[in-house]
Amino acid sequence: MARERIDLLFKQALTVYRQHPQLADRYVEHARRLSMRYKVRIPRHWRLLVCRKCKGFMVPGFTSRTRIRQRREPHLALTCLKCGWIKRVPLKSKTANLKP
């Protein structure tokens, strides 16, 4: 029940963001509070859209910048344009690193 509501709130936040960015931030904040109250994990694809520092909604192209970096290991760098926090997501899967 709570997971369905969280999915619905994130979907609404994405559709409403262009007209009302504050309302979209409020939807995301409400979804986070629901997940904490009912101890339900937010799915990974939605978690990537929330900044861990300022808790803001990171919409690619508007409030976040997405870059592919090739440093030590290839990774996706998601930068929050509100606070400057950088989230790094590895591009290799963990199962690809295991050798038979």
PDB file of N, CA and C in Angstrom:
ATOM      1  N   MET A   1       0.825  -1.188   0.000  1.00  0.00           N
ATOM      2  CA  MET A   1       0.000   0.000   0.000  1.00  0.00           C
ATOM      3  C   MET A   1       0.876   1.261   0.000  1.00  0.00           C
ATOM      4  N   ALA A   2       1.848   1.305   0.913  1.00  0.00           N
ATOM      5  CA  ALA A   2       2.719   2.477   0.988  1.00  0.00           C
ATOM      6  C   ALA A   2       3.606   2.570  -0.251  1.00  0.00           C
ATOM      7  N   ARG A   3       4.086   1.426  -0.748  1.00  0.00           N
ATOM      8  CA  ARG A   3       4.949   1.426  -1.933  1.00  0.00           C
ATOM      9  C   ARG A   3       4.197   1.960  -3.151  1.00  0.00           C
ATOM     10  N   GLU A   4       2.920   1.609  -3.271  1.00  0.00           N
ATOM     11  CA  GLU A   4       2.111   2.113  -4.383  1.00  0.00           C
ATOM     12  C   GLU A   4       1.950   3.624  -4.282  1.00  0.00           C
ATOM     13  N   ARG A   5       1.737   4.103  -3.076  1.00  0.00           N
ATOM     14  CA  ARG A   5       1.584   5.545  -2.861  1.00  0.00           C
ATOM     15  C   ARG A   5       2.886   6.283  -3.175  1.00  0.00           C
ATOM     16  N   ILE A   6       4.018   5.687  -2.801  1.00  0.00           N
ATOM     17  CA  ILE A   6       5.319   6.293  -3.083  1.00  0.00           C
ATOM     18  C   ILE A   6       5.535   6.377  -4.591  1.00  0.00           C
ATOM     19  N   ASP A   7       5.229   5.296  -5.312  1.00  0.00           N
ATOM     20  CA  ASP A   7       5.350   5.312  -6.774  1.00  0.00           C
ATOM     21  C   ASP A   7       4.462   6.388  -7.390  1.00  0.00           C
ATOM     22  N   LEU A   8       3.244   6.482  -6.900  1.00  0.00           N
ATOM     23  CA  LEU A   8       2.310   7.480  -7.414  1.00  0.00           C
ATOM     24  C   LEU A   8       2.826   8.901  -7.163  1.00  0.00           C
ATOM     25  N   LEU A   9       3.365   9.157  -5.977  1.00  0.00           N
ATOM     26  CA  LEU A   9       3.873  10.492  -5.657  1.00  0.00           C
ATOM     27  C   LEU A   9       5.063  10.868  -6.536  1.00  0.00           C
ATOM     28  N   PHE A  10       5.961   9.930  -6.785  1.00  0.00           N
ATOM     29  CA  PHE A  10       7.101  10.225  -7.654  1.00  0.00           C
ATOM     30  C   PHE A  10       6.649  10.470  -9.093  1.00  0.00           C
ATOM     31  N   LYS A  11       5.694   9.700  -9.577  1.00  0.00           N
ATOM     32  CA  LYS A  11       5.183   9.908 -10.935  1.00  0.00           C
ATOM     33  C   LYS A  11       4.519  11.274 -11.063  1.00  0.00           C
ATOM     34  N   GLN A  12       3.745  11.654 -10.042  1.00  0.00           N
ATOM     35  CA  GLN A  12       3.104  12.966 -10.063  1.00  0.00           C
ATOM     36  C   GLN A  12       4.142  14.080 -10.002  1.00  0.00           C
ATOM     37  N   ALA A  13       5.203  13.868  -9.226  1.00  0.00           N
ATOM     38  CA  ALA A  13       6.258  14.875  -9.126  1.00  0.00           C
ATOM     39  C   ALA A  13       6.919  15.098 -10.485  1.00  0.00           C
ATOM     40  N   LEU A  14       7.130  14.032 -11.236  1.00  0.00           N
ATOM     41  CA  LEU A  14       7.733  14.178 -12.566  1.00  0.00           C
ATOM     42  C   LEU A  14       6.823  14.928 -13.530  1.00  0.00           C
ATOM     43  N   THR A  15       5.519  14.666 -13.466  1.00  0.00           N
ATOM     44  CA  THR A  15       4.601  15.327 -14.399  1.00  0.00           C
ATOM     45  C   THR A  15       4.354  16.785 -14.030  1.00  0.00           C
ATOM     46  N   VAL A  16       4.389  17.100 -12.756  1.00  0.00           N
ATOM     47  CA  VAL A  16       4.054  18.447 -12.280  1.00  0.00           C
ATOM     48  C   VAL A  16       5.268  19.373 -12.251  1.00  0.00           C
ATOM     49  N   TYR A  17       6.479  18.824 -12.354  1.00  0.00           N
ATOM     50  CA  TYR A  17       7.684  19.605 -12.080  1.00  0.00           C
ATOM     51  C   TYR A  17       7.803  20.873 -12.909  1.00  0.00           C
ATOM     52  N   ARG A  18       7.498  20.822 -14.191  1.00  0.00           N
ATOM     53  CA  ARG A  18       7.704  22.001 -15.045  1.00  0.00           C
ATOM     54  C   ARG A  18       6.836  23.188 -14.643  1.00  0.00           C
ATOM     55  N   GLN A  19       5.589  22.936 -14.254  1.00  0.00           N
ATOM     56  CA  GLN A  19       4.706  24.037 -13.885  1.00  0.00           C
ATOM     57  C   GLN A  19       4.895  24.459 -12.424  1.00  0.00           C
ATOM     58  N   HIS A  20       5.087  23.481 -11.538  1.00  0.00           N
ATOM     59  CA  HIS A  20       5.151  23.764 -10.099  1.00  0.00           C
ATOM     60  C   HIS A  20       6.305  22.993  -9.450  1.00  0.00           C
ATOM     61  N   PRO A  21       7.539  23.512  -9.523  1.00  0.00           N
ATOM     62  CA  PRO A  21       8.672  22.777  -8.948  1.00  0.00           C
ATOM     63  C   PRO A  21       8.580  22.619  -7.429  1.00  0.00           C
ATOM     64  N   GLN A  22       7.992  23.595  -6.730  1.00  0.00           N
ATOM     65  CA  GLN A  22       7.861  23.480  -5.276  1.00  0.00           C
ATOM     66  C   GLN A  22       6.895  22.364  -4.906  1.00  0.00           C
ATOM     67  N   LEU A  23       5.846  22.205  -5.680  1.00  0.00           N
ATOM     68  CA  LEU A  23       4.884  21.136  -5.429  1.00  0.00           C
ATOM     69  C   LEU A  23       5.530  19.769  -5.668  1.00  0.00           C
ATOM     70  N   ALA A  24       6.363  19.671  -6.698  1.00  0.00           N
ATOM     71  CA  ALA A  24       7.070  18.412  -6.963  1.00  0.00           C
ATOM     72  C   ALA A  24       8.012  18.075  -5.813  1.00  0.00           C
ATOM     73  N   ASP A  25       8.719  19.081  -5.279  1.00  0.00           N
ATOM     74  CA  ASP A  25       9.587  18.848  -4.117  1.00  0.00           C
ATOM     75  C   ASP A  25       8.768  18.378  -2.921  1.00  0.00           C
ATOM     76  N   ARG A  26       7.592  18.930  -2.771  1.00  0.00           N
ATOM     77  CA  ARG A  26       6.718  18.537  -1.660  1.00  0.00           C
ATOM     78  C   ARG A  26       6.255  17.083  -1.818  1.00  0.00           C
ATOM     79  N   TYR A  27       5.930  16.681  -3.042  1.00  0.00           N
ATOM     80  CA  TYR A  27       5.539  15.291  -3.289  1.00  0.00           C
ATOM     81  C   TYR A  27       6.667  14.330  -2.921  1.00  0.00           C
ATOM     82  N   VAL A  28       7.892  14.685  -3.302  1.00  0.00           N
ATOM     83  CA  VAL A  28       9.044  13.829  -3.004  1.00  0.00           C
ATOM     84  C   VAL A  28       9.288  13.775  -1.498  1.00  0.00           C
ATOM     85  N   GLU A  29       9.156  14.912  -0.838  1.00  0.00           N
ATOM     86  CA  GLU A  29       9.324  14.938   0.623  1.00  0.00           C
ATOM     87  C   GLU A  29       8.273  14.048   1.297  1.00  0.00           C
ATOM     88  N   HIS A  30       7.057  14.121   0.800  1.00  0.00           N
ATOM     89  CA  HIS A  30       5.978  13.299   1.362  1.00  0.00           C
ATOM     90  C   HIS A  30       6.252  11.807   1.129  1.00  0.00           C
ATOM     91  N   ALA A  31       6.763  11.461  -0.050  1.00  0.00           N
ATOM     92  CA  ALA A  31       7.098  10.064  -0.352  1.00  0.00           C
ATOM     93  C   ALA A  31       8.208   9.570   0.570  1.00  0.00           C
ATOM     94  N   ARG A  32       9.204  10.403   0.833  1.00  0.00           N
ATOM     95  CA  ARG A  32      10.285  10.018   1.748  1.00  0.00           C
ATOM     96  C   ARG A  32       9.751   9.789   3.158  1.00  0.00           C
ATOM     97  N   ARG A  33       8.868  10.663   3.602  1.00  0.00           N
ATOM     98  CA  ARG A  33       8.295  10.499   4.947  1.00  0.00           C
ATOM     99  C   ARG A  33       7.461   9.222   5.051  1.00  0.00           C
ATOM    100  N   LEU A  34       6.712   8.916   3.996  1.00  0.00           N
ATOM    101  CA  LEU A  34       5.940   7.666   3.990  1.00  0.00           C
ATOM    102  C   LEU A  34       6.857   6.450   4.087  1.00  0.00           C
ATOM    103  N   SER A  35       7.954   6.484   3.344  1.00  0.00           N
ATOM    104  CA  SER A  35       8.865   5.335   3.369  1.00  0.00           C
ATOM    105  C   SER A  35       9.508   5.177   4.741  1.00  0.00           C
ATOM    106  N   MET A  36       9.792   6.278   5.411  1.00  0.00           N
ATOM    107  CA  MET A  36      10.378   6.181   6.753  1.00  0.00           C
ATOM    108  C   MET A  36       9.342   5.728   7.775  1.00  0.00           C
ATOM    109  N   ARG A  37       8.130   6.227   7.654  1.00  0.00           N
ATOM    110  CA  ARG A  37       7.093   5.881   8.624  1.00  0.00           C
ATOM    111  C   ARG A  37       6.730   4.405   8.561  1.00  0.00           C
ATOM    112  N   TYR A  38       6.578   3.884   7.339  1.00  0.00           N
ATOM    113  CA  TYR A  38       6.151   2.498   7.177  1.00  0.00           C
ATOM    114  C   TYR A  38       7.305   1.537   6.906  1.00  0.00           C
ATOM    115  N   LYS A  39       8.536   2.051   6.988  1.00  0.00           N
ATOM    116  CA  LYS A  39       9.748   1.240   6.809  1.00  0.00           C
ATOM    117  C   LYS A  39       9.720   0.470   5.489  1.00  0.00           C
ATOM    118  N   VAL A  40       9.445   1.209   4.433  1.00  0.00           N
ATOM    119  CA  VAL A  40       9.410   0.661   3.078  1.00  0.00           C
ATOM    120  C   VAL A  40      10.534   1.332   2.296  1.00  0.00           C
ATOM    121  N   ARG A  41      11.315   0.539   1.584  1.00  0.00           N
ATOM    122  CA  ARG A  41      12.404   1.103   0.797  1.00  0.00           C
ATOM    123  C   ARG A  41      11.859   1.760  -0.468  1.00  0.00           C
ATOM    124  N   ILE A  42      12.430   2.899  -0.799  1.00  0.00           N
ATOM    125  CA  ILE A  42      12.099   3.557  -2.060  1.00  0.00           C
ATOM    126  C   ILE A  42      12.851   2.810  -3.161  1.00  0.00           C
ATOM    127  N   PRO A  43      12.188   2.450  -4.260  1.00  0.00           N
ATOM    128  CA  PRO A  43      12.872   1.733  -5.341  1.00  0.00           C
ATOM    129  C   PRO A  43      14.077   2.522  -5.868  1.00  0.00           C
ATOM    130  N   ARG A  44      15.073   1.792  -6.349  1.00  0.00           N
ATOM    131  CA  ARG A  44      16.343   2.398  -6.747  1.00  0.00           C
ATOM    132  C   ARG A  44      16.165   3.457  -7.834  1.00  0.00           C
ATOM    133  N   HIS A  45      15.298   3.221  -8.804  1.00  0.00           N
ATOM    134  CA  HIS A  45      15.134   4.187  -9.887  1.00  0.00           C
ATOM    135  C   HIS A  45      14.542   5.505  -9.386  1.00  0.00           C
ATOM    136  N   TRP A  46      13.801   5.490  -8.281  1.00  0.00           N
ATOM    137  CA  TRP A  46      13.288   6.731  -7.697  1.00  0.00           C
ATOM    138  C   TRP A  46      14.323   7.342  -6.759  1.00  0.00           C
ATOM    139  N   ARG A  47      15.072   6.487  -6.054  1.00  0.00           N
ATOM    140  CA  ARG A  47      16.082   6.979  -5.113  1.00  0.00           C
ATOM    141  C   ARG A  47      17.159   7.792  -5.816  1.00  0.00           C
ATOM    142  N   LEU A  48      17.458   7.459  -7.075  1.00  0.00           N
ATOM    143  CA  LEU A  48      18.463   8.202  -7.826  1.00  0.00           C
ATOM    144  C   LEU A  48      18.038   9.644  -8.081  1.00  0.00           C
ATOM    145  N   LEU A  49      16.747   9.923  -7.980  1.00  0.00           N
ATOM    146  CA  LEU A  49      16.238  11.265  -8.254  1.00  0.00           C
ATOM    147  C   LEU A  49      16.132  12.142  -7.017  1.00  0.00           C
ATOM    148  N   VAL A  50      16.628  11.668  -5.872  1.00  0.00           N
ATOM    149  CA  VAL A  50      16.570  12.450  -4.636  1.00  0.00           C
ATOM    150  C   VAL A  50      17.994  12.728  -4.173  1.00  0.00           C
ATOM    151  N   CYS A  51      18.302  13.995  -3.934  1.00  0.00           N
ATOM    152  CA  CYS A  51      19.627  14.380  -3.450  1.00  0.00           C
ATOM    153  C   CYS A  51      19.767  13.976  -1.986  1.00  0.00           C
ATOM    154  N   ARG A  52      20.894  13.366  -1.644  1.00  0.00           N
ATOM    155  CA  ARG A  52      21.101  12.920  -0.266  1.00  0.00           C
ATOM    156  C   ARG A  52      21.510  14.070   0.647  1.00  0.00           C
ATOM    157  N   LYS A  53      21.988  15.173   0.076  1.00  0.00           N
ATOM    158  CA  LYS A  53      22.432  16.295   0.898  1.00  0.00           C
ATOM    159  C   LYS A  53      21.291  17.268   1.198  1.00  0.00           C
ATOM    160  N   CYS A  54      20.629  17.771   0.153  1.00  0.00           N
ATOM    161  CA  CYS A  54      19.573  18.769   0.367  1.00  0.00           C
ATOM    162  C   CYS A  54      18.175  18.166   0.305  1.00  0.00           C
ATOM    163  N   LYS A  55      18.059  16.861  -0.004  1.00  0.00           N
ATOM    164  CA  LYS A  55      16.788  16.133  -0.096  1.00  0.00           C
ATOM    165  C   LYS A  55      15.880  16.690  -1.186  1.00  0.00           C
ATOM    166  N   GLY A  56      16.456  17.392  -2.156  1.00  0.00           N
ATOM    167  CA  GLY A  56      15.679  17.958  -3.244  1.00  0.00           C
ATOM    168  C   GLY A  56      15.430  16.954  -4.356  1.00  0.00           C
ATOM    169  N   PHE A  57      14.495  17.285  -5.213  1.00  0.00           N
ATOM    170  CA  PHE A  57      14.125  16.443  -6.345  1.00  0.00           C
ATOM    171  C   PHE A  57      15.078  16.758  -7.493  1.00  0.00           C
ATOM    172  N   MET A  58      15.835  15.768  -7.955  1.00  0.00           N
ATOM    173  CA  MET A  58      16.828  15.975  -9.009  1.00  0.00           C
ATOM    174  C   MET A  58      16.249  15.529 -10.347  1.00  0.00           C
ATOM    175  N   VAL A  59      15.733  16.478 -11.103  1.00  0.00           N
ATOM    176  CA  VAL A  59      15.168  16.192 -12.421  1.00  0.00           C
ATOM    177  C   VAL A  59      16.281  16.374 -13.451  1.00  0.00           C
ATOM    178  N   PRO A  60      16.633  15.323 -14.197  1.00  0.00           N
ATOM    179  CA  PRO A  60      17.713  15.446 -15.179  1.00  0.00           C
ATOM    180  C   PRO A  60      17.433  16.557 -16.189  1.00  0.00           C
ATOM    181  N   GLY A  61      18.404  17.443 -16.347  1.00  0.00           N
ATOM    182  CA  GLY A  61      18.272  18.550 -17.279  1.00  0.00           C
ATOM    183  C   GLY A  61      17.756  19.827 -16.648  1.00  0.00           C
ATOM    184  N   PHE A  62      17.161  19.748 -15.471  1.00  0.00           N
ATOM    185  CA  PHE A  62      16.638  20.933 -14.799  1.00  0.00           C
ATOM    186  C   PHE A  62      17.361  21.186 -13.481  1.00  0.00           C
ATOM    187  N   THR A  63      17.309  20.236 -12.576  1.00  0.00           N
ATOM    188  CA  THR A  63      17.957  20.414 -11.274  1.00  0.00           C
ATOM    189  C   THR A  63      19.103  19.438 -11.070  1.00  0.00           C
ATOM    190  N   SER A  64      19.455  18.688 -12.109  1.00  0.00           N
ATOM    191  CA  SER A  64      20.624  17.812 -12.003  1.00  0.00           C
ATOM    192  C   SER A  64      21.320  17.716 -13.353  1.00  0.00           C
ATOM    193  N   ARG A  65      22.603  17.446 -13.271  1.00  0.00           N
ATOM    194  CA  ARG A  65      23.418  17.274 -14.468  1.00  0.00           C
ATOM    195  C   ARG A  65      23.907  15.832 -14.476  1.00  0.00           C
ATOM    196  N   THR A  66      23.855  15.185 -15.617  1.00  0.00           N
ATOM    197  CA  THR A  66      24.250  13.787 -15.739  1.00  0.00           C
ATOM    198  C   THR A  66      25.452  13.687 -16.665  1.00  0.00           C
ATOM    199  N   ARG A  67      26.527  13.078 -16.173  1.00  0.00           N
ATOM    200  CA  ARG A  67      27.744  12.895 -16.954  1.00  0.00           C
ATOM    201  C   ARG A  67      28.246  11.467 -16.804  1.00  0.00           C
ATOM    202  N   ILE A  68      28.867  10.956 -17.843  1.00  0.00           N
ATOM    203  CA  ILE A  68      29.533   9.659 -17.763  1.00  0.00           C
ATOM    204  C   ILE A  68      31.014   9.938 -17.582  1.00  0.00           C
ATOM    205  N   ARG A  69      31.585   9.409 -16.518  1.00  0.00           N
ATOM    206  CA  ARG A  69      32.996   9.613 -16.202  1.00  0.00           C
ATOM    207  C   ARG A  69      33.763   8.321 -16.433  1.00  0.00           C
ATOM    208  N   GLN A  70      35.000   8.454 -16.886  1.00  0.00           N
ATOM    209  CA  GLN A  70      35.827   7.293 -17.211  1.00  0.00           C
ATOM    210  C   GLN A  70      37.062   7.210 -16.316  1.00  0.00           C
ATOM    211  N   ARG A  71      37.000   7.689 -15.118  1.00  0.00           N
ATOM    212  CA  ARG A  71      38.171   7.673 -14.243  1.00  0.00           C
ATOM    213  C   ARG A  71      38.599   6.249 -13.943  1.00  0.00           C
ATOM    214  N   ARG A  72      38.749   5.892 -12.702  1.00  0.00           N
ATOM    215  CA  ARG A  72      39.225   4.561 -12.337  1.00  0.00           C
ATOM    216  C   ARG A  72      38.311   3.478 -12.891  1.00  0.00           C
ATOM    217  N   GLU A  73      37.043   3.633 -12.674  1.00  0.00           N
ATOM    218  CA  GLU A  73      36.045   2.742 -13.258  1.00  0.00           C
ATOM    219  C   GLU A  73      34.967   3.613 -13.878  1.00  0.00           C
ATOM    220  N   PRO A  74      34.389   3.196 -14.989  1.00  0.00           N
ATOM    221  CA  PRO A  74      33.326   4.005 -15.589  1.00  0.00           C
ATOM    222  C   PRO A  74      32.137   4.134 -14.642  1.00  0.00           C
ATOM    223  N   HIS A  75      31.650   5.363 -14.479  1.00  0.00           N
ATOM    224  CA  HIS A  75      30.512   5.590 -13.602  1.00  0.00           C
ATOM    225  C   HIS A  75      29.696   6.768 -14.118  1.00  0.00           C
ATOM    226  N   LEU A  76      28.485   6.827 -13.646  1.00  0.00           N
ATOM    227  CA  LEU A  76      27.566   7.901 -13.970  1.00  0.00           C
ATOM    228  C   LEU A  76      27.630   8.907 -12.835  1.00  0.00           C
ATOM    229  N   ALA A  77      27.886  10.169 -13.144  1.00  0.00           N
ATOM    230  CA  ALA A  77      27.964  11.207 -12.120  1.00  0.00           C
ATOM    231  C   ALA A  77      26.713  12.078 -12.223  1.00  0.00           C
ATOM    232  N   LEU A  78      25.868  12.025 -11.201  1.00  0.00           N
ATOM    233  CA  LEU A  78      24.661  12.844 -11.134  1.00  0.00           C
ATOM    234  C   LEU A  78      24.939  13.992 -10.176  1.00  0.00           C
ATOM    235  N   THR A  79      24.934  15.234 -10.667  1.00  0.00           N
ATOM    236  CA  THR A  79      25.245  16.401  -9.858  1.00  0.00           C
ATOM    237  C   THR A  79      23.971  17.179  -9.566  1.00  0.00           C
ATOM    238  N   CYS A  80      23.718  17.432  -8.288  1.00  0.00           N
ATOM    239  CA  CYS A  80      22.575  18.254  -7.887  1.00  0.00           C
ATOM    240  C   CYS A  80      22.942  19.712  -8.131  1.00  0.00           C
ATOM    241  N   LEU A  81      22.135  20.429  -8.891  1.00  0.00           N
ATOM    242  CA  LEU A  81      22.425  21.821  -9.199  1.00  0.00           C
ATOM    243  C   LEU A  81      21.958  22.767  -8.103  1.00  0.00           C
ATOM    244  N   LYS A  82      21.247  22.255  -7.106  1.00  0.00           N
ATOM    245  CA  LYS A  82      20.822  23.083  -5.980  1.00  0.00           C
ATOM    246  C   LYS A  82      21.934  23.225  -4.950  1.00  0.00           C
ATOM    247  N   CYS A  83      22.605  22.104  -4.626  1.00  0.00           N
ATOM    248  CA  CYS A  83      23.614  22.135  -3.560  1.00  0.00           C
ATOM    249  C   CYS A  83      25.003  21.710  -4.025  1.00  0.00           C
ATOM    250  N   GLY A  84      25.133  21.106  -5.203  1.00  0.00           N
ATOM    251  CA  GLY A  84      26.432  20.712  -5.722  1.00  0.00           C
ATOM    252  C   GLY A  84      26.870  19.304  -5.359  1.00  0.00           C
ATOM    253  N   TRP A  85      26.038  18.551  -4.683  1.00  0.00           N
ATOM    254  CA  TRP A  85      26.385  17.189  -4.276  1.00  0.00           C
ATOM    255  C   TRP A  85      26.459  16.289  -5.507  1.00  0.00           C
ATOM    256  N   ILE A  86      27.417  15.360  -5.527  1.00  0.00           N
ATOM    257  CA  ILE A  86      27.609  14.465  -6.667  1.00  0.00           C
ATOM    258  C   ILE A  86      27.341  13.032  -6.241  1.00  0.00           C
ATOM    259  N   LYS A  87      26.457  12.362  -6.946  1.00  0.00           N
ATOM    260  CA  LYS A  87      26.180  10.942  -6.711  1.00  0.00           C
ATOM    261  C   LYS A  87      26.824  10.160  -7.837  1.00  0.00           C
ATOM    262  N   ARG A  88      27.605   9.153  -7.467  1.00  0.00           N
ATOM    263  CA  ARG A  88      28.290   8.325  -8.452  1.00  0.00           C
ATOM    264  C   ARG A  88      27.649   6.943  -8.488  1.00  0.00           C
ATOM    265  N   VAL A  89      27.277   6.507  -9.676  1.00  0.00           N
ATOM    266  CA  VAL A  89      26.634   5.209  -9.865  1.00  0.00           C
ATOM    267  C   VAL A  89      27.522   4.387 -10.794  1.00  0.00           C
ATOM    268  N   PRO A  90      28.060   3.246 -10.332  1.00  0.00           N
ATOM    269  CA  PRO A  90      28.918   2.433 -11.201  1.00  0.00           C
ATOM    270  C   PRO A  90      28.149   1.905 -12.410  1.00  0.00           C
ATOM    271  N   LEU A  91      28.820   1.860 -13.543  1.00  0.00           N
ATOM    272  CA  LEU A  91      28.177   1.367 -14.758  1.00  0.00           C
ATOM    273  C   LEU A  91      28.367  -0.128 -14.945  1.00  0.00           C
ATOM    274  N   LYS A  92      29.384  -0.710 -14.330  1.00  0.00           N
ATOM    275  CA  LYS A  92      29.565  -2.159 -14.388  1.00  0.00           C
ATOM    276  C   LYS A  92      28.680  -2.815 -13.348  1.00  0.00           C
ATOM    277  N   SER A  93      28.126  -3.952 -13.707  1.00  0.00           N
ATOM    278  CA  SER A  93      27.339  -4.681 -12.718  1.00  0.00           C
ATOM    279  C   SER A  93      28.282  -5.506 -11.854  1.00  0.00           C
ATOM    280  N   LYS A  94      27.867  -5.821 -10.651  1.00  0.00           N
ATOM    281  CA  LYS A  94      28.701  -6.587  -9.736  1.00  0.00           C
ATOM    282  C   LYS A  94      28.893  -8.018 -10.219  1.00  0.00           C
ATOM    283  N   THR A  95      27.927  -8.550 -10.937  1.00  0.00           N
ATOM    284  CA  THR A  95      28.055  -9.923 -11.426  1.00  0.00           C
ATOM    285  C   THR A  95      29.059 -10.013 -12.573  1.00  0.00           C
ATOM    286  N   ALA A  96      29.305  -8.917 -13.289  1.00  0.00           N
ATOM    287  CA  ALA A  96      30.275  -8.932 -14.380  1.00  0.00           C
ATOM    288  C   ALA A  96      31.700  -9.032 -13.842  1.00  0.00           C
ATOM    289  N   ASN A  97      31.917  -8.579 -12.604  1.00  0.00           N
ATOM    290  CA  ASN A  97      33.245  -8.626 -12.011  1.00  0.00           C
ATOM    291  C   ASN A  97      33.624 -10.024 -11.544  1.00  0.00           C
ATOM    292  N   LEU A  98      32.651 -10.883 -11.290  1.00  0.00           N
ATOM    293  CA  LEU A  98      32.930 -12.233 -10.816  1.00  0.00           C
ATOM    294  C   LEU A  98      33.380 -13.109 -11.980  1.00  0.00           C
ATOM    295  N   LYS A  99      34.440 -13.858 -11.749  1.00  0.00           N
ATOM    296  CA  LYS A  99      34.942 -14.752 -12.795  1.00  0.00           C
ATOM    297  C   LYS A  99      34.534 -16.180 -12.479  1.00  0.00           C
ATOM    298  N   PRO A 100      34.166 -16.973 -13.500  1.00  0.00           N
ATOM    299  CA  PRO A 100      33.740 -18.365 -13.249  1.00  0.00           C
ATOM    300  C   PRO A 100      34.897 -19.276 -12.879  1.00  0.00           C
TER     301      PRO A 100
END
